[in-house]
Amino acid sequence: MTGVLSTLIAVLGTLLGAVVTHLFQRTATKRSQDFTAQQQLRSERMAVYSDFAGAVTEFRRGQHDRWHRKNEDPDSTACFDARVEAYRLRGVALHALFRVQLIASSQALVDAAQHAYKLTSDAHRASSKTELSTLGEQARQALESFISMASSDVR
């Protein structure tokens, strides 16, 4: 009888150990998966936010170039080429904005990105070089505000 009791205790102990080990492994696996997912999301957000900042910066440069070529000679091929390039850069920036909208964690961050895009879009409508500089500076500050908000999103 003692042998049977010892065997039963050993079997129950083994089963209990297997169940506890399984639970700990499942918890550890879940934590590891959560950490990996968070790191991947962080990495994707960093890429999307920096791509947006780069696209808007290039778009702003293109808008300034468009304005200058238009004021030099509105009928020139350089003006036409600058306008076409500005349209291309607008498309790139808009695509980057859509990516921000898909991955951002808050509406405030999306709003900041949209504001930077909007200010940049309006720059070519400036009536003077002073107004162009002012609009360009406002767009730059809006982009810096977006980057500041985005940096806290990826920490």
Protein backbone atom coordinates (compact mmCIF):
# COMPACT_ATOMS: atom_id res chain seq x y z
CA MET A 1 0.00 0.00 0.00
CA THR A 2 2.86 2.39 0.78
CA GLY A 3 4.33 1.80 -2.67
CA VAL A 4 1.03 2.61 -4.36
CA LEU A 5 0.65 5.78 -2.30
CA SER A 6 4.22 6.84 -3.13
CA THR A 7 3.63 6.16 -6.82
CA LEU A 8 0.36 8.14 -6.76
CA ILE A 9 2.04 11.09 -5.04
CA ALA A 10 4.90 10.99 -7.56
CA VAL A 11 2.47 10.92 -10.52
CA LEU A 12 0.41 13.81 -9.09
CA GLY A 13 3.55 15.79 -8.38
CA THR A 14 4.77 15.23 -11.92
CA LEU A 15 1.41 16.28 -13.36
CA LEU A 16 1.27 19.35 -11.13
CA GLY A 17 4.81 20.28 -12.16
CA ALA A 18 3.93 19.89 -15.84
CA VAL A 19 0.82 22.08 -15.47
CA VAL A 20 2.68 24.80 -13.56
CA THR A 21 5.54 24.73 -16.08
CA HIS A 22 3.06 25.02 -18.94
CA LEU A 23 1.37 28.03 -17.32
CA PHE A 24 4.69 29.79 -16.72
CA GLN A 25 5.85 29.10 -20.28
CA ARG A 26 2.56 30.38 -21.70
CA THR A 27 2.85 33.58 -19.65
CA ALA A 28 6.46 34.07 -20.70
CA THR A 29 5.57 33.46 -24.34
CA LYS A 30 2.71 35.96 -24.15
CA ARG A 31 5.01 38.60 -22.62
CA SER A 32 7.62 37.95 -25.29
CA GLN A 33 5.04 38.25 -28.08
CA ASP A 34 3.64 41.46 -26.59
CA PHE A 35 7.12 42.95 -26.30
CA THR A 36 7.96 41.98 -29.87
CA ALA A 37 4.72 43.47 -31.17
CA GLN A 38 5.33 46.71 -29.25
CA GLN A 39 8.86 46.97 -30.60
CA GLN A 40 7.67 46.34 -34.16
CA LEU A 41 4.94 48.97 -33.83
CA ARG A 42 7.46 51.43 -32.40
CA SER A 43 9.84 50.76 -35.27
CA GLU A 44 7.07 51.15 -37.86
CA ARG A 45 5.90 54.39 -36.28
CA MET A 46 9.45 55.78 -36.31
CA ALA A 47 9.77 54.94 -40.00
CA VAL A 48 6.36 56.39 -40.92
CA TYR A 49 6.83 59.58 -38.90
CA SER A 50 10.32 60.24 -40.22
CA ASP A 51 9.19 59.50 -43.79
CA PHE A 52 6.37 62.01 -43.35
CA ALA A 53 8.76 64.66 -42.02
CA GLY A 54 11.09 64.09 -44.96
CA ALA A 55 8.27 64.17 -47.50
CA VAL A 56 6.83 67.41 -46.11
CA THR A 57 10.27 69.00 -45.99
CA GLU A 58 10.84 68.13 -49.65
CA PHE A 59 7.31 69.30 -50.50
CA ARG A 60 8.02 72.64 -48.81
CA ARG A 61 11.24 72.98 -50.82
CA GLY A 62 9.30 72.17 -53.98
CA GLN A 63 6.65 74.75 -53.15
CA HIS A 64 9.32 77.42 -52.66
CA ASP A 65 10.97 76.48 -55.93
CA ARG A 66 7.61 76.63 -57.67
CA TRP A 67 6.95 80.10 -56.26
CA HIS A 68 10.37 81.41 -57.31
CA ARG A 69 10.16 79.99 -60.84
CA LYS A 70 6.65 81.46 -61.25
CA ASN A 71 7.84 84.91 -60.14
CA GLU A 72 10.88 84.78 -62.41
CA ASP A 73 8.96 83.85 -65.57
CA PRO A 74 5.49 82.28 -65.35
CA ASP A 75 5.63 81.11 -68.99
CA SER A 76 9.00 79.40 -68.82
CA THR A 77 9.64 75.68 -68.97
CA ALA A 78 11.42 75.99 -65.62
CA CYS A 79 8.16 77.24 -64.10
CA PHE A 80 6.23 74.38 -65.69
CA ASP A 81 8.81 71.84 -64.49
CA ALA A 82 8.76 73.28 -60.96
CA ARG A 83 4.97 73.05 -60.89
CA VAL A 84 5.04 69.43 -62.06
CA GLU A 85 7.68 68.60 -59.45
CA ALA A 86 5.61 70.33 -56.75
CA TYR A 87 2.62 68.19 -57.75
CA ARG A 88 4.75 65.05 -57.53
CA LEU A 89 6.07 66.06 -54.12
CA ARG A 90 2.51 66.85 -52.98
CA GLY A 91 1.55 63.27 -53.88
CA VAL A 92 4.49 61.85 -51.96
CA ALA A 93 3.65 64.00 -48.92
CA LEU A 94 -0.03 63.05 -49.11
CA HIS A 95 0.89 59.37 -49.25
CA ALA A 96 3.08 59.84 -46.18
CA LEU A 97 0.20 61.63 -44.45
CA PHE A 98 -2.09 58.69 -45.15
CA ARG A 99 0.47 56.36 -43.57
CA VAL A 100 0.56 58.61 -40.47
CA GLN A 101 -3.23 58.45 -40.29
CA LEU A 102 -3.09 54.65 -40.37
CA ILE A 103 -0.51 54.18 -37.63
CA ALA A 104 -0.76 57.16 -35.27
CA SER A 105 -1.91 56.45 -31.74
CA SER A 106 -3.90 59.67 -31.31
CA GLN A 107 -6.07 62.02 -33.31
CA ALA A 108 -4.00 64.96 -32.04
CA LEU A 109 -0.96 63.53 -33.81
CA VAL A 110 -2.94 63.09 -37.05
CA ASP A 111 -4.24 66.65 -36.72
CA ALA A 112 -0.69 67.96 -36.29
CA ALA A 113 0.41 66.09 -39.42
CA GLN A 114 -2.55 67.41 -41.40
CA HIS A 115 -1.81 70.94 -40.23
CA ALA A 116 1.82 70.72 -41.36
CA TYR A 117 0.72 69.33 -44.73
CA LYS A 118 -1.93 72.06 -45.18
CA LEU A 119 0.47 74.90 -44.36
CA THR A 120 3.00 73.47 -46.79
CA SER A 121 0.35 73.10 -49.50
CA ASP A 122 -0.57 76.77 -49.29
CA ALA A 123 2.96 78.17 -49.58
CA HIS A 124 2.98 78.58 -53.37
CA ARG A 125 0.04 81.01 -53.11
CA ALA A 126 2.13 83.66 -51.34
CA SER A 127 1.87 87.11 -52.84
CA SER A 128 5.37 88.25 -51.87
CA LYS A 129 8.73 86.86 -50.88
CA THR A 130 8.09 88.01 -47.29
CA GLU A 131 4.78 86.15 -47.19
CA LEU A 132 6.47 83.07 -48.69
CA SER A 133 9.09 83.18 -45.93
CA THR A 134 6.39 83.58 -43.30
CA LEU A 135 4.33 80.69 -44.67
CA GLY A 136 7.46 78.55 -44.96
CA GLU A 137 8.39 79.29 -41.35
CA GLN A 138 4.87 78.46 -40.17
CA ALA A 139 4.99 75.18 -42.06
CA ARG A 140 8.40 74.38 -40.57
CA GLN A 141 7.15 75.11 -37.06
CA ALA A 142 4.05 72.96 -37.63
CA LEU A 143 6.29 70.12 -38.77
CA GLU A 144 8.49 70.55 -35.70
CA SER A 145 5.37 70.41 -33.54
CA PHE A 146 4.36 67.17 -35.25
CA ILE A 147 7.84 65.71 -34.69
CA SER A 148 7.71 66.68 -31.02
CA MET A 149 4.38 64.91 -30.60
CA ALA A 150 5.53 61.93 -32.65
CA SER A 151 8.68 61.51 -30.58
CA SER A 152 6.60 60.94 -27.47
CA ASP A 153 4.56 58.37 -29.42
CA VAL A 154 7.62 56.24 -30.11
CA ARG A 155 9.15 56.30 -26.65
